[in-house]
Amino acid sequence: MLRLDHLAISASPLEQVVEAVEAALGTRLAPGGQHALMSTHNKLLGLGDIYLEVIAIDPDAPTPAHPRWFDLDHFSGRPRLTNWIVACDDLDAALAGLPPGVGVPHDLARGDLRWRMAVPADGKLPFRNAHPALIQWQGAAHPAQRLPDAGVRLELLEIATPDAEALADTLRGRFADPRVQIISGPGVELRARFSTPHGPRVIE
């Protein structure tokens, strides 16, 4: 089974968007780090069993010879929630039952964190990027376990897409989380509602 791992907000530049997210949720984000393979960097927020990632192209890193994950090479406009990431125990087996465009496994590491991630060859996930990205953590270390707990929790993630029925069919029997709803919409749009010590907050 697939399980919800984290949410990604795409941004440019990183620090400016971090300030906006911190203001929206009423808490500070924790340092993340750099991803050398993708020339991106991030900051993080613990949400209990999952976490929130604000990710952007790292202007100080060389441009990679391959497309970046989360279709960041084509990101523009306001910072927004763009992707959801699900974890599995066997990435190769999980990919075998999903559309081929979900990606090819890459081995990644930062500090003592080790993981494998499926990255599409063109950076674009199926169903116009509405399909979740897949990750397999290796070892016991996981970001959610070490991030400060600010009392923020995900209550609902809505994935609106014209391909709602097809996306739901693809994930049926493989993923189930009451916090996640796939709904029909004219375009792809992710919307997350959080409970915080300051009351409910929404990011989209």
Protein backbone atom coordinates (compact mmCIF):
# COMPACT_ATOMS: atom_id res chain seq x y z
CA MET A 1 0.00 0.00 0.00
CA LEU A 2 0.99 3.59 -0.65
CA ARG A 3 0.81 6.08 2.22
CA LEU A 4 0.86 9.86 2.34
CA ASP A 5 4.41 11.10 3.01
CA HIS A 6 4.56 14.84 2.36
CA LEU A 7 3.21 17.81 0.42
CA ALA A 8 5.25 20.14 -1.78
CA ILE A 9 4.81 23.86 -2.32
CA SER A 10 6.74 25.07 -5.36
CA ALA A 11 8.32 28.47 -5.04
CA SER A 12 10.68 31.04 -6.53
CA PRO A 13 12.70 32.35 -4.82
CA LEU A 14 12.72 30.13 -1.75
CA GLU A 15 13.18 32.63 1.09
CA GLN A 16 10.46 35.00 -0.05
CA VAL A 17 7.93 32.18 -0.22
CA VAL A 18 9.03 30.73 3.12
CA GLU A 19 8.04 34.01 4.76
CA ALA A 20 4.60 33.83 3.15
CA VAL A 21 4.04 30.22 4.24
CA GLU A 22 5.20 30.99 7.78
CA ALA A 23 2.76 33.89 7.93
CA ALA A 24 -0.08 31.74 6.55
CA LEU A 25 0.44 28.90 9.06
CA GLY A 26 1.65 30.98 11.99
CA THR A 27 4.86 29.04 12.57
CA ARG A 28 8.47 28.91 11.44
CA LEU A 29 9.77 26.42 8.90
CA ALA A 30 12.82 24.33 9.70
CA PRO A 31 15.98 24.19 7.59
CA GLY A 32 15.97 21.57 4.88
CA GLY A 33 18.92 21.45 2.53
CA GLN A 34 20.13 21.08 -1.02
CA HIS A 35 19.40 18.33 -3.55
CA ALA A 36 22.55 18.11 -5.66
CA LEU A 37 21.02 15.83 -8.30
CA MET A 38 18.15 18.23 -9.01
CA SER A 39 19.81 21.56 -8.11
CA THR A 40 16.96 22.44 -5.77
CA HIS A 41 16.72 23.40 -2.11
CA ASN A 42 13.97 23.38 0.48
CA LYS A 43 12.61 24.16 3.93
CA LEU A 44 10.32 21.91 5.94
CA LEU A 45 7.47 21.85 8.46
CA GLY A 46 6.53 18.82 10.52
CA LEU A 47 2.86 17.81 10.40
CA GLY A 48 2.97 14.85 12.76
CA ASP A 49 3.20 11.70 10.66
CA ILE A 50 3.88 13.67 7.45
CA TYR A 51 5.56 16.96 6.57
CA LEU A 52 5.31 20.01 4.34
CA GLU A 53 8.11 20.93 1.96
CA VAL A 54 8.68 24.31 0.32
CA ILE A 55 10.94 23.64 -2.65
CA ALA A 56 12.58 25.85 -5.26
CA ILE A 57 15.35 25.87 -7.83
CA ASP A 58 18.66 26.59 -6.12
CA PRO A 59 20.14 29.63 -7.92
CA ASP A 60 23.63 28.79 -6.62
CA ALA A 61 23.63 25.26 -8.05
CA PRO A 62 24.54 24.33 -11.63
CA THR A 63 21.70 23.61 -14.02
CA PRO A 64 21.27 19.83 -14.24
CA ALA A 65 21.50 18.02 -17.57
CA HIS A 66 18.08 16.45 -16.93
CA PRO A 67 14.65 17.88 -16.04
CA ARG A 68 14.11 18.66 -12.37
CA TRP A 69 11.47 16.88 -10.32
CA PHE A 70 8.00 18.37 -9.74
CA ASP A 71 8.22 20.02 -13.18
CA LEU A 72 10.11 22.90 -11.54
CA ASP A 73 11.78 23.84 -14.82
CA HIS A 74 8.38 25.06 -16.02
CA PHE A 75 7.13 26.53 -12.76
CA SER A 76 5.90 30.11 -12.88
CA GLY A 77 3.36 32.32 -11.20
CA ARG A 78 2.48 32.54 -7.54
CA PRO A 79 3.91 30.06 -5.05
CA ARG A 80 1.42 27.25 -4.63
CA LEU A 81 0.82 23.71 -3.52
CA THR A 82 1.82 21.69 -6.58
CA ASN A 83 2.54 18.10 -5.58
CA TRP A 84 1.77 15.34 -3.14
CA ILE A 85 4.19 12.55 -2.40
CA VAL A 86 3.34 9.03 -1.26
CA ALA A 87 5.70 6.51 0.32
CA CYS A 88 6.05 2.82 -0.36
CA ASP A 89 8.16 -0.05 0.96
CA ASP A 90 9.23 -1.30 -2.48
CA LEU A 91 9.54 1.40 -5.12
CA ASP A 92 10.15 -0.95 -8.04
CA ALA A 93 7.10 -3.08 -7.20
CA ALA A 94 4.90 0.00 -6.71
CA LEU A 95 5.95 1.48 -10.05
CA ALA A 96 5.15 -1.77 -11.84
CA GLY A 97 1.44 -1.26 -11.14
CA LEU A 98 1.28 2.44 -12.00
CA PRO A 99 1.45 4.47 -15.24
CA PRO A 100 4.97 4.45 -16.77
CA GLY A 101 5.19 8.24 -16.56
CA VAL A 102 5.42 8.15 -12.77
CA GLY A 103 9.16 7.94 -13.21
CA VAL A 104 12.46 6.12 -12.93
CA PRO A 105 14.00 5.39 -9.49
CA HIS A 106 16.92 7.55 -8.36
CA ASP A 107 19.04 6.98 -5.26
CA LEU A 108 19.37 10.11 -3.15
CA ALA A 109 20.92 11.13 0.14
CA ARG A 110 21.37 14.13 2.42
CA GLY A 111 23.18 13.70 5.70
CA ASP A 112 21.94 10.47 7.23
CA LEU A 113 18.73 10.52 5.16
CA ARG A 114 18.62 7.94 2.40
CA TRP A 115 15.79 7.53 -0.07
CA ARG A 116 14.80 6.42 -3.54
CA MET A 117 12.49 8.60 -5.59
CA ALA A 118 10.74 8.05 -8.89
CA VAL A 119 11.38 11.02 -11.17
CA PRO A 120 9.66 11.30 -14.57
CA ALA A 121 12.04 11.58 -17.53
CA ASP A 122 10.46 14.90 -18.52
CA GLY A 123 9.76 16.06 -14.96
CA LYS A 124 5.99 15.85 -15.49
CA LEU A 125 3.86 13.40 -13.51
CA PRO A 126 0.83 11.72 -15.12
CA PHE A 127 -2.59 13.36 -15.19
CA ARG A 128 -1.10 16.83 -15.69
CA ASN A 129 1.04 16.49 -12.55
CA ALA A 130 -1.94 15.49 -10.39
CA HIS A 131 -0.57 11.97 -9.86
CA PRO A 132 1.44 11.60 -6.63
CA ALA A 133 5.21 11.28 -6.74
CA LEU A 134 6.59 8.07 -5.20
CA ILE A 135 9.29 7.80 -2.57
CA GLN A 136 10.89 4.94 -0.65
CA TRP A 137 12.77 5.84 2.51
CA GLN A 138 15.73 3.62 3.30
CA GLY A 139 16.59 3.02 6.93
CA ALA A 140 14.81 4.40 9.96
CA ALA A 141 15.56 8.11 9.42
CA HIS A 142 12.63 10.21 8.19
CA PRO A 143 12.22 14.02 8.18
CA ALA A 144 8.87 13.97 10.02
CA GLN A 145 10.47 12.27 13.02
CA ARG A 146 13.06 14.99 13.59
CA LEU A 147 11.18 18.18 12.72
CA PRO A 148 9.91 20.39 15.57
CA ASP A 149 6.23 19.89 16.36
CA ALA A 150 4.46 23.24 16.02
CA GLY A 151 1.01 21.69 16.43
CA VAL A 152 0.09 22.01 12.75
CA ARG A 153 -1.78 19.07 11.22
CA LEU A 154 -3.20 18.35 7.78
CA GLU A 155 -6.98 18.00 7.92
CA LEU A 156 -7.79 17.75 4.23
CA LEU A 157 -5.93 17.66 0.92
CA GLU A 158 -8.10 18.17 -2.15
CA ILE A 159 -6.69 17.28 -5.56
CA ALA A 160 -8.93 18.84 -8.20
CA THR A 161 -8.36 17.61 -11.74
CA PRO A 162 -10.29 17.01 -14.98
CA ASP A 163 -8.89 13.45 -14.76
CA ALA A 164 -10.32 12.77 -11.30
CA GLU A 165 -12.02 9.51 -12.23
CA ALA A 166 -8.98 8.10 -14.04
CA LEU A 167 -6.62 9.15 -11.24
CA ALA A 168 -8.86 7.63 -8.60
CA ASP A 169 -9.06 4.39 -10.60
CA THR A 170 -5.26 4.26 -10.86
CA LEU A 171 -4.87 4.55 -7.08
CA ARG A 172 -7.82 2.37 -6.08
CA GLY A 173 -6.66 -0.51 -3.93
CA ARG A 174 -3.19 1.05 -3.65
CA PHE A 175 -3.82 4.19 -1.61
CA ALA A 176 -6.41 5.21 0.96
CA ASP A 177 -6.18 8.12 3.38
CA PRO A 178 -9.25 9.93 4.75
CA ARG A 179 -7.34 13.21 4.58
CA VAL A 180 -7.01 13.00 0.79
CA GLN A 181 -9.86 13.61 -1.66
CA ILE A 182 -9.65 13.53 -5.44
CA ILE A 183 -12.34 15.71 -6.97
CA SER A 184 -13.30 16.85 -10.44
CA GLY A 185 -12.27 20.34 -11.52
CA PRO A 186 -11.62 22.32 -14.71
CA GLY A 187 -7.86 22.33 -14.08
CA VAL A 188 -5.34 20.80 -11.72
CA GLU A 189 -5.37 22.53 -8.35
CA LEU A 190 -4.26 21.31 -4.93
CA ARG A 191 -5.78 22.76 -1.77
CA ALA A 192 -4.82 21.84 1.79
CA ARG A 193 -6.62 22.70 5.01
CA PHE A 194 -4.62 22.63 8.24
CA SER A 195 -5.46 22.85 11.90
CA THR A 196 -3.03 25.13 13.76
CA PRO A 197 -2.75 26.60 17.27
CA HIS A 198 -4.04 29.80 15.64
CA GLY A 199 -7.11 28.18 14.06
CA PRO A 200 -7.76 26.60 10.66
CA ARG A 201 -5.57 27.73 7.76
CA VAL A 202 -5.70 26.97 4.03
CA ILE A 203 -2.90 26.81 1.47
CA GLU A 204 -3.52 26.29 -2.22
